[in-house]
Amino acid sequence: MRFAVLINYTDPAGRERALPAHREYLAKGREQGIVIESGPFADGKGGMYLLEVADSSAAHAFVEADPYRTDGKLELIVREWNSVQGPKR
């Protein structure tokens, strides 16, 4: 299943503090095949990443351990996403 994780930069200082660990966390997720895409929005107010995991529980567990949530205290919203393009695993 695929999930979109929407990130709101609700605390700029928290974002800066957690950014290096967040990037490392997503890189490890990519290596494991969990994170399939990520990046900030062009307006600088937030970002998004896409997950491919077994179920909603796995998506929420991944997000709860994200340094943006644990250290940065940013708002992360998890939404199940039905991709109409691209390979289904």
C-alpha atoms as a PDB file:
ATOM      1  CA  MET A   1       0.000   0.000   0.000  1.00  0.00           C
ATOM      2  CA  ARG A   2       1.118   3.527  -0.674  1.00  0.00           C
ATOM      3  CA  PHE A   3       0.824   6.449   1.709  1.00  0.00           C
ATOM      4  CA  ALA A   4       1.514  10.154   1.295  1.00  0.00           C
ATOM      5  CA  VAL A   5       2.993  11.879   4.319  1.00  0.00           C
ATOM      6  CA  LEU A   6       2.328  15.615   4.286  1.00  0.00           C
ATOM      7  CA  ILE A   7       4.631  17.735   6.435  1.00  0.00           C
ATOM      8  CA  ASN A   8       3.743  21.195   7.698  1.00  0.00           C
ATOM      9  CA  TYR A   9       6.696  23.283   8.865  1.00  0.00           C
ATOM     10  CA  THR A  10       4.843  24.431  11.980  1.00  0.00           C
ATOM     11  CA  ASP A  11       8.080  25.167  13.876  1.00  0.00           C
ATOM     12  CA  PRO A  12      10.949  26.486  11.705  1.00  0.00           C
ATOM     13  CA  ALA A  13      13.513  26.092  14.489  1.00  0.00           C
ATOM     14  CA  GLY A  14      12.332  22.538  15.136  1.00  0.00           C
ATOM     15  CA  ARG A  15      12.621  21.767  11.439  1.00  0.00           C
ATOM     16  CA  GLU A  16      16.208  23.037  11.277  1.00  0.00           C
ATOM     17  CA  ARG A  17      17.130  21.112  14.406  1.00  0.00           C
ATOM     18  CA  ALA A  18      15.675  17.824  13.077  1.00  0.00           C
ATOM     19  CA  LEU A  19      16.562  18.176   9.371  1.00  0.00           C
ATOM     20  CA  PRO A  20      19.859  16.212   9.296  1.00  0.00           C
ATOM     21  CA  ALA A  21      18.374  13.281  11.247  1.00  0.00           C
ATOM     22  CA  HIS A  22      15.182  13.402   9.153  1.00  0.00           C
ATOM     23  CA  ARG A  23      17.188  13.169   5.920  1.00  0.00           C
ATOM     24  CA  GLU A  24      19.219  10.262   7.296  1.00  0.00           C
ATOM     25  CA  TYR A  25      16.016   8.516   8.416  1.00  0.00           C
ATOM     26  CA  LEU A  26      14.450   8.859   4.954  1.00  0.00           C
ATOM     27  CA  ALA A  27      17.675   7.649   3.293  1.00  0.00           C
ATOM     28  CA  LYS A  28      17.531   4.479   5.388  1.00  0.00           C
ATOM     29  CA  GLY A  29      13.871   4.114   4.441  1.00  0.00           C
ATOM     30  CA  ARG A  30      14.850   4.352   0.765  1.00  0.00           C
ATOM     31  CA  GLU A  31      17.476   1.640   1.227  1.00  0.00           C
ATOM     32  CA  GLN A  32      14.775  -0.599   2.726  1.00  0.00           C
ATOM     33  CA  GLY A  33      12.329   0.131  -0.107  1.00  0.00           C
ATOM     34  CA  ILE A  34       9.904   1.942   2.209  1.00  0.00           C
ATOM     35  CA  VAL A  35      10.387   5.553   1.027  1.00  0.00           C
ATOM     36  CA  ILE A  36       9.759   5.919  -2.704  1.00  0.00           C
ATOM     37  CA  GLU A  37       9.913   9.725  -3.074  1.00  0.00           C
ATOM     38  CA  SER A  38      10.440  12.782  -0.884  1.00  0.00           C
ATOM     39  CA  GLY A  39      11.071  16.501  -0.958  1.00  0.00           C
ATOM     40  CA  PRO A  40       9.987  19.980   0.131  1.00  0.00           C
ATOM     41  CA  PHE A  41       7.244  22.006  -1.520  1.00  0.00           C
ATOM     42  CA  ALA A  42       8.387  24.914  -3.685  1.00  0.00           C
ATOM     43  CA  ASP A  43       6.726  27.475  -1.397  1.00  0.00           C
ATOM     44  CA  GLY A  44       8.932  26.451   1.548  1.00  0.00           C
ATOM     45  CA  LYS A  45       5.977  25.825   3.869  1.00  0.00           C
ATOM     46  CA  GLY A  46       6.209  22.054   4.019  1.00  0.00           C
ATOM     47  CA  GLY A  47       7.094  18.862   2.235  1.00  0.00           C
ATOM     48  CA  MET A  48       5.936  15.369   1.462  1.00  0.00           C
ATOM     49  CA  TYR A  49       7.166  11.825   1.197  1.00  0.00           C
ATOM     50  CA  LEU A  50       5.637   8.681  -0.234  1.00  0.00           C
ATOM     51  CA  LEU A  51       5.771   5.326   1.500  1.00  0.00           C
ATOM     52  CA  GLU A  52       5.207   1.819   0.238  1.00  0.00           C
ATOM     53  CA  VAL A  53       4.395  -0.421   3.196  1.00  0.00           C
ATOM     54  CA  ALA A  54       2.170  -3.367   4.084  1.00  0.00           C
ATOM     55  CA  ASP A  55      -0.583  -1.429   5.848  1.00  0.00           C
ATOM     56  CA  SER A  56      -1.668   1.679   7.715  1.00  0.00           C
ATOM     57  CA  SER A  57      -0.050   0.507  10.941  1.00  0.00           C
ATOM     58  CA  ALA A  58       3.349   0.254   9.239  1.00  0.00           C
ATOM     59  CA  ALA A  59       2.929   3.718   7.710  1.00  0.00           C
ATOM     60  CA  HIS A  60       2.022   5.272  11.054  1.00  0.00           C
ATOM     61  CA  ALA A  61       4.878   3.466  12.820  1.00  0.00           C
ATOM     62  CA  PHE A  62       7.367   4.825  10.263  1.00  0.00           C
ATOM     63  CA  VAL A  63       6.032   8.367  10.646  1.00  0.00           C
ATOM     64  CA  GLU A  64       5.971   8.235  14.454  1.00  0.00           C
ATOM     65  CA  ALA A  65       9.713   7.447  14.433  1.00  0.00           C
ATOM     66  CA  ASP A  66      10.574  10.256  11.976  1.00  0.00           C
ATOM     67  CA  PRO A  67      12.850  12.842  13.641  1.00  0.00           C
ATOM     68  CA  TYR A  68      10.621  15.570  12.228  1.00  0.00           C
ATOM     69  CA  ARG A  69       7.942  14.196  14.570  1.00  0.00           C
ATOM     70  CA  THR A  70      10.064  13.075  17.513  1.00  0.00           C
ATOM     71  CA  ASP A  71      12.584  15.944  17.638  1.00  0.00           C
ATOM     72  CA  GLY A  72      11.171  18.698  15.438  1.00  0.00           C
ATOM     73  CA  LYS A  73       7.603  18.371  16.740  1.00  0.00           C
ATOM     74  CA  LEU A  74       6.308  19.109  13.238  1.00  0.00           C
ATOM     75  CA  GLU A  75       2.849  18.205  11.985  1.00  0.00           C
ATOM     76  CA  LEU A  76       2.925  15.081   9.793  1.00  0.00           C
ATOM     77  CA  ILE A  77      -0.303  13.886   8.186  1.00  0.00           C
ATOM     78  CA  VAL A  78      -0.567  10.346   6.817  1.00  0.00           C
ATOM     79  CA  ARG A  79      -2.969   9.704   3.936  1.00  0.00           C
ATOM     80  CA  GLU A  80      -3.459   6.443   2.055  1.00  0.00           C
ATOM     81  CA  TRP A  81      -2.785   7.114  -1.612  1.00  0.00           C
ATOM     82  CA  ASN A  82      -4.083   5.277  -4.670  1.00  0.00           C
ATOM     83  CA  SER A  83      -1.488   5.791  -7.382  1.00  0.00           C
ATOM     84  CA  VAL A  84      -2.904   5.576 -10.898  1.00  0.00           C
ATOM     85  CA  GLN A  85       0.537   5.429 -12.511  1.00  0.00           C
ATOM     86  CA  GLY A  86       3.669   3.549 -11.764  1.00  0.00           C
ATOM     87  CA  PRO A  87       4.320  -0.047 -10.799  1.00  0.00           C
ATOM     88  CA  LYS A  88       2.313  -1.765  -8.107  1.00  0.00           C
ATOM     89  CA  ARG A  89       4.363  -4.013  -5.850  1.00  0.00           C
END
